[in-house]
Amino acid sequence: MEPKKNKNSDSNQFRHSFFLVGLNYVAGITLAAFSYQQLVTEDNNQKGNRFNGISTVEEVEKEVPPKIEIPKSPLEKSAQKELNLTDSIITIDNRNIEDTATRIILINIDDPITPIITIVEPVVDFPDIEASFNGGEAAMQQWMQQNLNYPEISIERGDKGKVYLKFIVEKDGSITNVEIIQGISRELDNEAKRLIRTMPEWVAGETKGLKVRSSFTMPIYFEFN
């Protein structure tokens, strides 16, 4: 004989599983209903707040009017100071801006300062070609007669004779170092020196084809009628 199966024992095996599935289903429906009710309540509250003049923080922020900034007027430029062209210009040299202290440097000079020595060319007493009056002897005699001033006091005293003079004819023909070798009186000697100093330029003497400084001696004769 085959043993018979109990139907109640087979159904009891699935009862616990069915119970858990049903419990989860009911819990899910209950949670969904509760969430739906909460959403509906919040929506009604928001609508009621709108009608009552009360808005949420987000709406308040949206309804706040934008802040209008008034543009600032440009600053008026200050009148430029009129430049005075007579003012001195100050130049600042910033190359050594860090060195503001005044420095004094003392330099010891061991060697003495050498004086400047002027080299004077020698005077030739007897050049190859003697210096001469420009135009010759006759021109010199004529010039002296026209420019000689006989002192009145010498005429009153009767002073007359020859005054010997010595002078140097420079390389450019000018006359320097006029001196009396033999004189007569102070008045006649001074007139003789004045006459020589006021002479026009001479022709300089020459030695070996070169102009030289040469000495010249000549008499000036004083005589009245």
N, C-alpha and C. Protein backbone atom coordinates (compact mmCIF):
# COMPACT_ATOMS: atom_id res chain seq x y z
N MET A 1 0.83 -1.18 0.00
CA MET A 1 0.00 0.00 0.00
C MET A 1 0.87 1.23 0.00
N GLU A 2 0.46 2.23 -0.74
CA GLU A 2 1.19 3.52 -0.77
C GLU A 2 0.70 4.38 0.35
N PRO A 3 1.61 5.06 1.03
CA PRO A 3 1.19 5.93 2.12
C PRO A 3 0.51 7.16 1.57
N LYS A 4 -0.54 7.68 2.24
CA LYS A 4 -1.30 8.85 1.81
C LYS A 4 -0.68 10.11 2.38
N LYS A 5 -0.67 11.16 1.53
CA LYS A 5 -0.13 12.46 1.95
C LYS A 5 -1.19 13.26 2.59
N ASN A 6 -0.81 14.02 3.69
CA ASN A 6 -1.74 14.90 4.38
C ASN A 6 -1.73 16.25 3.70
N LYS A 7 -2.90 16.69 3.19
CA LYS A 7 -3.03 17.98 2.48
C LYS A 7 -2.78 19.15 3.41
N ASN A 8 -3.15 18.99 4.71
CA ASN A 8 -2.94 20.09 5.67
C ASN A 8 -1.47 20.36 5.89
N SER A 9 -0.66 19.28 5.89
CA SER A 9 0.78 19.48 6.09
C SER A 9 1.41 20.20 4.92
N ASP A 10 0.91 19.97 3.73
CA ASP A 10 1.49 20.67 2.55
C ASP A 10 1.14 22.14 2.55
N SER A 11 -0.08 22.50 2.92
CA SER A 11 -0.49 23.91 2.93
C SER A 11 0.19 24.69 4.04
N ASN A 12 0.48 24.02 5.16
CA ASN A 12 1.15 24.72 6.26
C ASN A 12 2.58 25.16 5.90
N GLN A 13 3.17 24.50 4.97
CA GLN A 13 4.54 24.89 4.56
C GLN A 13 4.58 26.26 3.90
N PHE A 14 3.53 26.69 3.17
CA PHE A 14 3.52 27.96 2.44
C PHE A 14 2.77 29.05 3.17
N ARG A 15 2.17 28.74 4.30
CA ARG A 15 1.38 29.75 5.00
C ARG A 15 2.27 30.87 5.53
N HIS A 16 3.40 30.53 6.08
CA HIS A 16 4.29 31.55 6.65
C HIS A 16 4.81 32.50 5.56
N SER A 17 5.13 31.95 4.43
CA SER A 17 5.65 32.79 3.32
C SER A 17 4.59 33.74 2.82
N PHE A 18 3.35 33.23 2.68
CA PHE A 18 2.25 34.08 2.22
C PHE A 18 1.99 35.19 3.21
N PHE A 19 2.15 34.89 4.49
CA PHE A 19 1.90 35.90 5.52
C PHE A 19 2.91 37.05 5.42
N LEU A 20 4.17 36.72 5.21
CA LEU A 20 5.20 37.77 5.09
C LEU A 20 5.00 38.62 3.86
N VAL A 21 4.60 37.99 2.75
CA VAL A 21 4.36 38.76 1.52
C VAL A 21 3.21 39.70 1.70
N GLY A 22 2.12 39.20 2.35
CA GLY A 22 0.97 40.06 2.56
C GLY A 22 1.30 41.20 3.49
N LEU A 23 2.07 40.93 4.54
CA LEU A 23 2.45 41.99 5.47
C LEU A 23 3.27 43.09 4.79
N ASN A 24 4.19 42.71 3.95
CA ASN A 24 5.00 43.73 3.22
C ASN A 24 4.13 44.56 2.28
N TYR A 25 3.13 43.90 1.69
CA TYR A 25 2.25 44.61 0.75
C TYR A 25 1.45 45.65 1.46
N VAL A 26 0.88 45.24 2.63
CA VAL A 26 0.07 46.17 3.42
C VAL A 26 0.93 47.33 3.91
N ALA A 27 2.16 47.04 4.36
CA ALA A 27 3.04 48.12 4.85
C ALA A 27 3.38 49.11 3.74
N GLY A 28 3.59 48.58 2.52
CA GLY A 28 3.92 49.50 1.41
C GLY A 28 2.75 50.38 1.07
N ILE A 29 1.51 49.81 1.08
CA ILE A 29 0.33 50.64 0.78
C ILE A 29 0.17 51.71 1.84
N THR A 30 0.34 51.29 3.14
CA THR A 30 0.20 52.26 4.23
C THR A 30 1.21 53.40 4.12
N LEU A 31 2.47 53.09 3.81
CA LEU A 31 3.52 54.14 3.67
C LEU A 31 3.23 55.06 2.51
N ALA A 32 2.73 54.50 1.40
CA ALA A 32 2.40 55.33 0.24
C ALA A 32 1.26 56.26 0.54
N ALA A 33 0.24 55.72 1.30
CA ALA A 33 -0.90 56.57 1.64
C ALA A 33 -0.47 57.71 2.55
N PHE A 34 0.38 57.42 3.51
CA PHE A 34 0.85 58.44 4.45
C PHE A 34 1.65 59.53 3.72
N SER A 35 2.53 59.13 2.79
CA SER A 35 3.33 60.12 2.03
C SER A 35 2.44 60.99 1.17
N TYR A 36 1.39 60.36 0.56
CA TYR A 36 0.48 61.12 -0.30
C TYR A 36 -0.29 62.13 0.52
N GLN A 37 -0.71 61.74 1.71
CA GLN A 37 -1.45 62.64 2.57
C GLN A 37 -0.58 63.81 3.01
N GLN A 38 0.70 63.53 3.30
CA GLN A 38 1.60 64.62 3.73
C GLN A 38 1.82 65.61 2.60
N LEU A 39 1.98 65.10 1.36
CA LEU A 39 2.17 66.01 0.21
C LEU A 39 0.95 66.87 -0.02
N VAL A 40 -0.25 66.25 0.10
CA VAL A 40 -1.48 67.02 -0.10
C VAL A 40 -1.60 68.09 0.97
N THR A 41 -1.23 67.73 2.21
CA THR A 41 -1.33 68.71 3.31
C THR A 41 -0.38 69.90 3.07
N GLU A 42 0.86 69.64 2.67
CA GLU A 42 1.82 70.73 2.41
C GLU A 42 1.36 71.60 1.26
N ASP A 43 0.76 70.96 0.23
CA ASP A 43 0.30 71.74 -0.92
C ASP A 43 -0.83 72.66 -0.51
N ASN A 44 -1.76 72.14 0.35
CA ASN A 44 -2.87 72.98 0.81
C ASN A 44 -2.36 74.12 1.67
N ASN A 45 -1.35 73.82 2.51
CA ASN A 45 -0.80 74.89 3.36
C ASN A 45 -0.17 76.00 2.53
N GLN A 46 0.54 75.62 1.47
CA GLN A 46 1.18 76.63 0.61
C GLN A 46 0.15 77.48 -0.09
N LYS A 47 -0.97 76.79 -0.55
CA LYS A 47 -2.03 77.57 -1.22
C LYS A 47 -2.69 78.51 -0.25
N GLY A 48 -2.92 78.02 0.99
CA GLY A 48 -3.54 78.88 1.97
C GLY A 48 -2.66 80.05 2.33
N ASN A 49 -1.38 79.83 2.40
CA ASN A 49 -0.45 80.92 2.72
C ASN A 49 -0.43 81.97 1.64
N ARG A 50 -0.60 81.55 0.44
CA ARG A 50 -0.60 82.52 -0.66
C ARG A 50 -1.81 83.43 -0.57
N PHE A 51 -2.96 82.82 -0.26
CA PHE A 51 -4.17 83.64 -0.16
C PHE A 51 -4.10 84.55 1.04
N ASN A 52 -3.44 84.13 2.10
CA ASN A 52 -3.33 84.95 3.32
C ASN A 52 -2.23 85.99 3.22
N GLY A 53 -1.57 86.17 2.10
CA GLY A 53 -0.50 87.15 1.95
C GLY A 53 0.80 86.71 2.52
N ILE A 54 0.96 85.42 2.87
CA ILE A 54 2.20 84.91 3.44
C ILE A 54 2.83 84.02 2.40
N SER A 55 4.10 84.25 2.09
CA SER A 55 4.83 83.48 1.09
C SER A 55 6.02 82.81 1.72
N THR A 56 6.49 81.80 1.07
CA THR A 56 7.66 81.09 1.56
C THR A 56 8.91 81.94 1.36
N VAL A 57 10.01 81.46 1.97
CA VAL A 57 11.28 82.20 1.87
C VAL A 57 11.72 82.31 0.45
N GLU A 58 11.50 81.22 -0.31
CA GLU A 58 11.93 81.25 -1.71
C GLU A 58 11.14 82.26 -2.50
N GLU A 59 9.80 82.33 -2.25
CA GLU A 59 8.98 83.30 -2.96
C GLU A 59 9.31 84.71 -2.55
N VAL A 60 9.59 84.92 -1.26
CA VAL A 60 9.95 86.27 -0.79
C VAL A 60 11.20 86.75 -1.51
N GLU A 61 12.15 85.84 -1.65
CA GLU A 61 13.38 86.22 -2.33
C GLU A 61 13.13 86.57 -3.78
N LYS A 62 12.19 85.86 -4.40
CA LYS A 62 11.89 86.15 -5.80
C LYS A 62 11.16 87.47 -5.95
N GLU A 63 10.29 87.81 -4.96
CA GLU A 63 9.46 89.01 -5.08
C GLU A 63 10.18 90.28 -4.64
N VAL A 64 11.34 90.16 -4.05
CA VAL A 64 12.07 91.37 -3.63
C VAL A 64 12.49 92.14 -4.86
N PRO A 65 12.13 93.42 -4.96
CA PRO A 65 12.48 94.20 -6.17
C PRO A 65 13.99 94.36 -6.27
N PRO A 66 14.49 94.31 -7.48
CA PRO A 66 15.95 94.45 -7.65
C PRO A 66 16.43 95.79 -7.17
N LYS A 67 17.63 95.79 -6.61
CA LYS A 67 18.25 97.03 -6.10
C LYS A 67 18.78 97.84 -7.26
N ILE A 68 18.35 99.07 -7.33
CA ILE A 68 18.75 99.97 -8.41
C ILE A 68 19.86 100.87 -7.90
N GLU A 69 21.02 100.77 -8.54
CA GLU A 69 22.15 101.61 -8.15
C GLU A 69 22.19 102.85 -9.01
N ILE A 70 22.25 103.99 -8.36
CA ILE A 70 22.33 105.25 -9.09
C ILE A 70 23.77 105.45 -9.55
N PRO A 71 23.96 105.60 -10.84
CA PRO A 71 25.35 105.77 -11.34
C PRO A 71 25.99 107.00 -10.74
N LYS A 72 27.21 106.78 -10.32
CA LYS A 72 27.95 107.90 -9.73
C LYS A 72 28.37 108.88 -10.81
N SER A 73 28.18 110.13 -10.50
CA SER A 73 28.60 111.16 -11.46
C SER A 73 30.11 111.22 -11.49
N PRO A 74 30.67 111.36 -12.67
CA PRO A 74 32.15 111.42 -12.76
C PRO A 74 32.70 112.60 -11.98
N LEU A 75 33.79 112.33 -11.29
CA LEU A 75 34.43 113.39 -10.50
C LEU A 75 34.90 114.51 -11.41
N GLU A 76 34.59 115.68 -10.96
CA GLU A 76 35.05 116.82 -11.74
C GLU A 76 36.55 116.94 -11.64
N LYS A 77 37.18 117.11 -12.78
CA LYS A 77 38.64 117.25 -12.80
C LYS A 77 39.03 118.57 -12.18
N SER A 78 39.96 118.48 -11.28
CA SER A 78 40.45 119.70 -10.66
C SER A 78 41.19 120.55 -11.67
N ALA A 79 41.01 121.82 -11.54
CA ALA A 79 41.66 122.72 -12.50
C ALA A 79 43.16 122.57 -12.42
N GLN A 80 43.77 122.38 -13.58
CA GLN A 80 45.22 122.18 -13.63
C GLN A 80 45.94 123.48 -13.30
N LYS A 81 46.92 123.34 -12.44
CA LYS A 81 47.69 124.52 -12.05
C LYS A 81 48.44 125.07 -13.23
N GLU A 82 48.31 126.36 -13.40
CA GLU A 82 48.99 127.00 -14.52
C GLU A 82 50.50 126.93 -14.32
N LEU A 83 51.18 126.47 -15.35
CA LEU A 83 52.63 126.34 -15.28
C LEU A 83 53.29 127.70 -15.43
N ASN A 84 54.28 127.90 -14.60
CA ASN A 84 55.07 129.12 -14.71
C ASN A 84 56.35 128.78 -15.45
N LEU A 85 56.45 129.27 -16.69
CA LEU A 85 57.60 128.92 -17.52
C LEU A 85 58.89 129.52 -17.00
N THR A 86 58.76 130.47 -16.06
CA THR A 86 59.98 131.09 -15.53
C THR A 86 60.57 130.30 -14.39
N ASP A 87 59.81 129.31 -13.87
CA ASP A 87 60.34 128.51 -12.76
C ASP A 87 61.49 127.65 -13.25
N SER A 88 62.44 127.46 -12.37
CA SER A 88 63.58 126.62 -12.72
C SER A 88 63.17 125.16 -12.68
N ILE A 89 63.73 124.37 -13.57
CA ILE A 89 63.43 122.95 -13.65
C ILE A 89 64.42 122.19 -12.78
N ILE A 90 63.86 121.36 -11.89
CA ILE A 90 64.71 120.59 -10.98
C ILE A 90 64.81 119.18 -11.53
N THR A 91 66.00 118.74 -11.78
CA THR A 91 66.24 117.39 -12.30
C THR A 91 66.78 116.52 -11.18
N ILE A 92 66.15 115.38 -10.97
CA ILE A 92 66.57 114.47 -9.92
C ILE A 92 67.24 113.29 -10.57
N ASP A 93 68.45 113.05 -10.18
CA ASP A 93 69.19 111.90 -10.68
C ASP A 93 69.02 110.77 -9.68
N ASN A 94 68.25 109.74 -10.06
CA ASN A 94 67.97 108.64 -9.15
C ASN A 94 68.88 107.47 -9.37
N ARG A 95 69.96 107.67 -10.07
CA ARG A 95 70.88 106.56 -10.28
C ARG A 95 71.55 106.13 -8.98
N ASN A 96 71.81 107.08 -8.10
CA ASN A 96 72.43 106.75 -6.82
C ASN A 96 71.50 107.21 -5.71
N ILE A 97 70.20 106.82 -5.82
CA ILE A 97 69.21 107.32 -4.88
C ILE A 97 69.45 106.78 -3.48
N GLU A 98 70.12 105.62 -3.37
CA GLU A 98 70.35 105.04 -2.05
C GLU A 98 71.47 105.74 -1.30
N ASP A 99 72.38 106.34 -2.05
CA ASP A 99 73.53 107.00 -1.43
C ASP A 99 73.18 108.45 -1.19
N THR A 100 72.58 108.75 -0.02
CA THR A 100 72.15 110.11 0.28
C THR A 100 73.18 110.89 1.07
N ALA A 101 74.19 110.24 1.59
CA ALA A 101 75.20 110.94 2.39
C ALA A 101 76.21 111.60 1.48
N THR A 102 76.63 112.78 1.90
CA THR A 102 77.65 113.50 1.14
C THR A 102 79.02 112.93 1.46
N ARG A 103 79.73 112.59 0.41
CA ARG A 103 81.04 111.99 0.59
C ARG A 103 82.12 112.98 0.18
N ILE A 104 83.09 113.13 1.02
CA ILE A 104 84.22 114.00 0.73
C ILE A 104 85.46 113.12 0.64
N ILE A 105 86.07 113.17 -0.52
CA ILE A 105 87.25 112.35 -0.75
C ILE A 105 88.46 113.27 -0.83
N LEU A 106 89.42 113.01 0.01
CA LEU A 106 90.65 113.79 0.02
C LEU A 106 91.71 113.03 -0.77
N ILE A 107 92.30 113.72 -1.71
CA ILE A 107 93.31 113.11 -2.56
C ILE A 107 94.66 113.74 -2.21
N ASN A 108 95.57 112.90 -1.84
CA ASN A 108 96.91 113.37 -1.54
C ASN A 108 97.74 113.37 -2.82
N ILE A 109 98.24 114.53 -3.16
CA ILE A 109 99.07 114.66 -4.35
C ILE A 109 100.52 114.74 -3.90
N ASP A 110 101.25 113.69 -4.23
CA ASP A 110 102.65 113.66 -3.81
C ASP A 110 103.51 114.58 -4.68
N ASP A 111 103.23 114.55 -5.98
CA ASP A 111 104.04 115.37 -6.88
C ASP A 111 103.55 116.80 -6.87
N PRO A 112 104.44 117.76 -6.74
CA PRO A 112 104.01 119.17 -6.78
C PRO A 112 103.54 119.54 -8.17
N ILE A 113 102.70 120.57 -8.22
CA ILE A 113 102.19 121.04 -9.50
C ILE A 113 103.33 121.69 -10.28
N THR A 114 103.51 121.22 -11.48
CA THR A 114 104.58 121.76 -12.31
C THR A 114 104.14 123.09 -12.92
N PRO A 115 104.85 124.16 -12.67
CA PRO A 115 104.44 125.45 -13.24
C PRO A 115 104.61 125.45 -14.75
N ILE A 116 103.76 126.25 -15.39
CA ILE A 116 103.83 126.39 -16.84
C ILE A 116 104.96 127.36 -17.19
N ILE A 117 105.87 126.88 -17.96
CA ILE A 117 107.03 127.70 -18.33
C ILE A 117 106.85 128.17 -19.77
N THR A 118 106.89 129.49 -19.93
CA THR A 118 106.77 130.06 -21.26
C THR A 118 108.16 130.11 -21.91
N ILE A 119 108.27 129.50 -23.05
CA ILE A 119 109.55 129.47 -23.76
C ILE A 119 109.67 130.73 -24.62
N VAL A 120 110.66 131.53 -24.32
CA VAL A 120 110.90 132.77 -25.06
C VAL A 120 112.03 132.52 -26.05
N GLU A 121 111.75 132.80 -27.30
CA GLU A 121 112.78 132.59 -28.31
C GLU A 121 113.91 133.60 -28.12
N PRO A 122 115.11 133.20 -28.38
CA PRO A 122 116.25 134.12 -28.20
C PRO A 122 116.22 135.26 -29.21
N VAL A 123 116.89 136.34 -28.83
CA VAL A 123 117.00 137.51 -29.71
C VAL A 123 118.31 137.42 -30.46
N VAL A 124 118.23 137.58 -31.75
CA VAL A 124 119.43 137.52 -32.60
C VAL A 124 119.94 138.94 -32.79
N ASP A 125 121.21 139.17 -32.41
CA ASP A 125 121.80 140.51 -32.55
C ASP A 125 122.21 140.81 -34.00
N PHE A 126 122.70 139.79 -34.69
CA PHE A 126 123.16 140.02 -36.06
C PHE A 126 122.52 138.99 -37.00
N PRO A 127 121.26 139.20 -37.39
CA PRO A 127 120.61 138.26 -38.30
C PRO A 127 121.20 138.36 -39.70
N ASP A 128 120.90 137.36 -40.51
CA ASP A 128 121.37 137.38 -41.90
C ASP A 128 120.78 138.57 -42.65
N ILE A 129 119.50 138.85 -42.40
CA ILE A 129 118.84 140.02 -42.99
C ILE A 129 118.30 140.84 -41.84
N GLU A 130 118.77 142.09 -41.70
CA GLU A 130 118.35 142.93 -40.59
C GLU A 130 116.89 143.37 -40.78
N ALA A 131 116.25 143.63 -39.63
CA ALA A 131 114.90 144.17 -39.66
C ALA A 131 114.93 145.58 -40.20
N SER A 132 113.85 146.00 -40.86
CA SER A 132 113.83 147.32 -41.51
C SER A 132 112.43 147.91 -41.44
N PHE A 133 112.39 149.22 -41.54
CA PHE A 133 111.12 149.94 -41.58
C PHE A 133 110.42 149.61 -42.89
N ASN A 134 109.12 149.44 -42.82
CA ASN A 134 108.37 149.06 -44.02
C ASN A 134 108.36 150.24 -45.00
N GLY A 135 109.13 150.11 -46.07
CA GLY A 135 109.25 151.19 -47.06
C GLY A 135 110.67 151.71 -47.19
N GLY A 136 111.55 151.29 -46.21
CA GLY A 136 112.95 151.69 -46.29
C GLY A 136 113.29 152.88 -45.42
N GLU A 137 114.58 153.30 -45.52
CA GLU A 137 115.12 154.38 -44.70
C GLU A 137 114.44 155.70 -44.99
N ALA A 138 114.22 156.03 -46.27
CA ALA A 138 113.61 157.31 -46.63
C ALA A 138 112.19 157.41 -46.08
N ALA A 139 111.44 156.32 -46.17
CA ALA A 139 110.08 156.32 -45.66
C ALA A 139 110.08 156.50 -44.14
N MET A 140 111.09 155.94 -43.46
CA MET A 140 111.15 156.09 -42.01
C MET A 140 111.46 157.53 -41.63
N GLN A 141 112.39 158.19 -42.34
CA GLN A 141 112.73 159.57 -42.03
C GLN A 141 111.52 160.48 -42.24
N GLN A 142 110.78 160.24 -43.28
CA GLN A 142 109.60 161.06 -43.55
C GLN A 142 108.55 160.86 -42.46
N TRP A 143 108.36 159.62 -42.06
CA TRP A 143 107.36 159.35 -41.01
C TRP A 143 107.76 160.00 -39.70
N MET A 144 109.04 159.97 -39.35
CA MET A 144 109.50 160.55 -38.09
C MET A 144 109.34 162.06 -38.09
N GLN A 145 109.61 162.73 -39.21
CA GLN A 145 109.45 164.18 -39.28
C GLN A 145 107.99 164.58 -39.10
N GLN A 146 107.08 163.72 -39.61
CA GLN A 146 105.65 164.05 -39.51
C GLN A 146 105.08 163.77 -38.12
N ASN A 147 105.72 162.91 -37.35
CA ASN A 147 105.14 162.51 -36.07
C ASN A 147 105.96 162.95 -34.87
N LEU A 148 107.11 163.58 -35.05
CA LEU A 148 107.94 164.01 -33.94
C LEU A 148 107.39 165.31 -33.34
N ASN A 149 107.30 165.34 -32.00
CA ASN A 149 106.86 166.52 -31.28
C ASN A 149 108.01 167.02 -30.40
N TYR A 150 108.57 168.15 -30.82
CA TYR A 150 109.72 168.69 -30.07
C TYR A 150 109.19 169.36 -28.81
N PRO A 151 109.64 168.95 -27.63
CA PRO A 151 109.14 169.54 -26.40
C PRO A 151 109.47 171.04 -26.32
N GLU A 152 108.51 171.87 -25.89
CA GLU A 152 108.70 173.31 -25.78
C GLU A 152 109.77 173.66 -24.74
N ILE A 153 109.76 172.91 -23.65
CA ILE A 153 110.75 173.22 -22.61
C ILE A 153 112.16 172.92 -23.08
N SER A 154 112.31 171.90 -23.97
CA SER A 154 113.63 171.58 -24.52
C SER A 154 114.07 172.68 -25.47
N ILE A 155 113.13 173.27 -26.22
CA ILE A 155 113.47 174.38 -27.11
C ILE A 155 113.90 175.59 -26.29
N GLU A 156 113.16 175.88 -25.19
CA GLU A 156 113.49 177.02 -24.35
C GLU A 156 114.88 176.85 -23.72
N ARG A 157 115.20 175.65 -23.36
CA ARG A 157 116.51 175.41 -22.75
C ARG A 157 117.61 175.22 -23.78
N GLY A 158 117.22 175.04 -25.03
CA GLY A 158 118.20 174.84 -26.09
C GLY A 158 118.74 173.42 -26.13
N ASP A 159 117.94 172.44 -25.69
CA ASP A 159 118.39 171.04 -25.71
C ASP A 159 118.27 170.50 -27.14
N LYS A 160 119.37 169.90 -27.62
CA LYS A 160 119.37 169.27 -28.93
C LYS A 160 120.46 168.21 -28.97
N GLY A 161 120.40 167.38 -30.01
CA GLY A 161 121.39 166.32 -30.14
C GLY A 161 120.76 165.00 -30.57
N LYS A 162 121.50 163.89 -30.37
CA LYS A 162 121.04 162.56 -30.77
C LYS A 162 120.74 161.72 -29.54
N VAL A 163 119.61 161.03 -29.63
CA VAL A 163 119.22 160.08 -28.58
C VAL A 163 119.32 158.68 -29.20
N TYR A 164 120.17 157.83 -28.59
CA TYR A 164 120.36 156.47 -29.09
C TYR A 164 119.42 155.51 -28.33
N LEU A 165 118.73 154.74 -29.15
CA LEU A 165 117.77 153.78 -28.57
C LEU A 165 118.06 152.38 -29.08
N LYS A 166 117.64 151.40 -28.26
CA LYS A 166 117.74 150.00 -28.65
C LYS A 166 116.38 149.35 -28.40
N PHE A 167 115.94 148.53 -29.34
CA PHE A 167 114.63 147.86 -29.20
C PHE A 167 114.68 146.52 -29.93
N ILE A 168 113.62 145.72 -29.78
CA ILE A 168 113.52 144.39 -30.40
C ILE A 168 112.40 144.42 -31.42
N VAL A 169 112.71 143.94 -32.61
CA VAL A 169 111.69 143.77 -33.65
C VAL A 169 111.26 142.30 -33.60
N GLU A 170 110.00 142.09 -33.25
CA GLU A 170 109.48 140.72 -33.12
C GLU A 170 109.28 140.07 -34.49
N LYS A 171 108.96 138.78 -34.48
CA LYS A 171 108.78 138.05 -35.72
C LYS A 171 107.57 138.54 -36.52
N ASP A 172 106.60 139.15 -35.82
CA ASP A 172 105.44 139.70 -36.53
C ASP A 172 105.63 141.16 -36.92
N GLY A 173 106.85 141.75 -36.63
CA GLY A 173 107.14 143.12 -37.03
C GLY A 173 106.84 144.15 -35.96
N SER A 174 106.24 143.74 -34.84
CA SER A 174 105.97 144.70 -33.77
C SER A 174 107.27 145.03 -33.03
N ILE A 175 107.24 146.18 -32.32
CA ILE A 175 108.43 146.67 -31.60
C ILE A 175 108.20 146.58 -30.11
N THR A 176 109.15 145.98 -29.40
CA THR A 176 109.04 145.81 -27.95
C THR A 176 110.39 146.15 -27.30
N ASN A 177 110.35 146.24 -25.95
CA ASN A 177 111.57 146.45 -25.14
C ASN A 177 112.37 147.67 -25.60
N VAL A 178 111.69 148.81 -25.69
CA VAL A 178 112.37 150.05 -26.09
C VAL A 178 113.13 150.59 -24.87
N GLU A 179 114.42 150.90 -25.07
CA GLU A 179 115.23 151.45 -23.99
C GLU A 179 116.24 152.47 -24.54
N ILE A 180 116.61 153.39 -23.65
CA ILE A 180 117.56 154.44 -24.02
C ILE A 180 118.98 153.96 -23.73
N ILE A 181 119.83 154.05 -24.76
CA ILE A 181 121.26 153.73 -24.55
C ILE A 181 122.03 154.99 -24.16
N GLN A 182 121.74 156.07 -24.89
CA GLN A 182 122.39 157.36 -24.60
C GLN A 182 121.37 158.45 -24.83
N GLY A 183 121.09 159.24 -23.80
CA GLY A 183 120.07 160.26 -23.90
C GLY A 183 120.61 161.67 -23.76
N ILE A 184 119.70 162.66 -23.84
CA ILE A 184 120.06 164.07 -23.72
C ILE A 184 119.38 164.66 -22.49
N SER A 185 118.08 164.58 -22.45
CA SER A 185 117.30 165.07 -21.31
C SER A 185 116.07 164.18 -21.14
N ARG A 186 115.42 164.34 -20.01
CA ARG A 186 114.26 163.48 -19.77
C ARG A 186 113.18 163.72 -20.80
N GLU A 187 112.96 165.01 -21.17
CA GLU A 187 111.90 165.31 -22.13
C GLU A 187 112.21 164.74 -23.50
N LEU A 188 113.46 164.93 -23.97
CA LEU A 188 113.82 164.42 -25.29
C LEU A 188 113.88 162.88 -25.28
N ASP A 189 114.36 162.29 -24.21
CA ASP A 189 114.41 160.83 -24.13
C ASP A 189 112.99 160.23 -24.18
N ASN A 190 112.04 160.82 -23.44
CA ASN A 190 110.66 160.32 -23.45
C ASN A 190 110.02 160.47 -24.83
N GLU A 191 110.31 161.59 -25.50
CA GLU A 191 109.75 161.78 -26.85
C GLU A 191 110.32 160.78 -27.82
N ALA A 192 111.60 160.45 -27.69
CA ALA A 192 112.22 159.47 -28.58
C ALA A 192 111.60 158.08 -28.36
N LYS A 193 111.38 157.70 -27.12
CA LYS A 193 110.76 156.40 -26.83
C LYS A 193 109.32 156.37 -27.34
N ARG A 194 108.58 157.46 -27.17
CA ARG A 194 107.20 157.49 -27.67
C ARG A 194 107.17 157.33 -29.17
N LEU A 195 108.11 157.97 -29.86
CA LEU A 195 108.13 157.92 -31.32
C LEU A 195 108.39 156.50 -31.82
N ILE A 196 109.32 155.79 -31.17
CA ILE A 196 109.62 154.41 -31.60
C ILE A 196 108.43 153.48 -31.33
N ARG A 197 107.78 153.64 -30.17
CA ARG A 197 106.66 152.75 -29.81
C ARG A 197 105.44 152.93 -30.71
N THR A 198 105.27 154.10 -31.27
CA THR A 198 104.11 154.34 -32.13
C THR A 198 104.39 154.07 -33.60
N MET A 199 105.57 153.56 -33.92
CA MET A 199 105.88 153.25 -35.32
C MET A 199 105.00 152.13 -35.84
N PRO A 200 104.71 152.15 -37.13
CA PRO A 200 103.99 151.00 -37.72
C PRO A 200 104.89 149.76 -37.72
N GLU A 201 104.34 148.61 -38.03
CA GLU A 201 105.08 147.35 -38.00
C GLU A 201 106.23 147.37 -39.01
N TRP A 202 107.34 146.78 -38.57
CA TRP A 202 108.52 146.67 -39.40
C TRP A 202 108.49 145.34 -40.15
N VAL A 203 109.52 145.15 -40.97
CA VAL A 203 109.74 143.85 -41.62
C VAL A 203 110.74 143.11 -40.74
N ALA A 204 110.35 141.94 -40.23
CA ALA A 204 111.20 141.20 -39.29
C ALA A 204 112.48 140.71 -39.96
N GLY A 205 113.55 140.58 -39.14
CA GLY A 205 114.81 140.05 -39.66
C GLY A 205 114.70 138.54 -39.90
N GLU A 206 115.67 138.04 -40.67
CA GLU A 206 115.66 136.62 -41.03
C GLU A 206 117.05 136.02 -40.84
N THR A 207 117.04 134.75 -40.43
CA THR A 207 118.26 133.97 -40.31
C THR A 207 117.99 132.58 -40.89
N LYS A 208 118.80 132.20 -41.89
CA LYS A 208 118.62 130.93 -42.58
C LYS A 208 117.21 130.77 -43.17
N GLY A 209 116.71 131.90 -43.66
CA GLY A 209 115.41 131.88 -44.32
C GLY A 209 114.21 131.90 -43.39
N LEU A 210 114.43 131.99 -42.07
CA LEU A 210 113.32 132.01 -41.11
C LEU A 210 113.30 133.33 -40.38
N LYS A 211 112.10 133.83 -40.10
CA LYS A 211 111.96 135.07 -39.35
C LYS A 211 112.40 134.85 -37.91
N VAL A 212 113.10 135.85 -37.37
CA VAL A 212 113.61 135.74 -36.01
C VAL A 212 113.36 137.04 -35.27
N ARG A 213 113.47 136.95 -33.95
CA ARG A 213 113.44 138.16 -33.12
C ARG A 213 114.85 138.76 -33.18
N SER A 214 114.91 140.03 -33.53
CA SER A 214 116.24 140.66 -33.69
C SER A 214 116.25 142.01 -32.99
N SER A 215 117.44 142.36 -32.50
CA SER A 215 117.62 143.65 -31.85
C SER A 215 118.04 144.70 -32.89
N PHE A 216 117.65 145.93 -32.61
CA PHE A 216 117.96 147.01 -33.54
C PHE A 216 118.33 148.25 -32.74
N THR A 217 119.40 148.94 -33.14
CA THR A 217 119.86 150.17 -32.48
C THR A 217 119.83 151.31 -33.50
N MET A 218 119.27 152.44 -33.12
CA MET A 218 119.18 153.59 -34.04
C MET A 218 119.19 154.89 -33.23
N PRO A 219 119.68 155.99 -33.86
CA PRO A 219 119.67 157.30 -33.21
C PRO A 219 118.48 158.15 -33.72
N ILE A 220 118.01 159.03 -32.90
CA ILE A 220 117.01 160.03 -33.31
C ILE A 220 117.64 161.39 -33.01
N TYR A 221 117.70 162.20 -34.05
CA TYR A 221 118.43 163.50 -33.96
C TYR A 221 117.40 164.61 -33.71
N PHE A 222 117.63 165.37 -32.63
CA PHE A 222 116.77 166.52 -32.29
C PHE A 222 117.56 167.80 -32.59
N GLU A 223 116.95 168.67 -33.44
CA GLU A 223 117.61 169.93 -33.80
C GLU A 223 116.54 170.95 -34.14
N PHE A 224 116.73 172.16 -33.75
CA PHE A 224 115.78 173.25 -34.07
C PHE A 224 116.56 174.41 -34.63
N ASN A 225 115.91 175.18 -35.47
CA ASN A 225 116.54 176.34 -36.12
C ASN A 225 116.32 177.59 -35.27
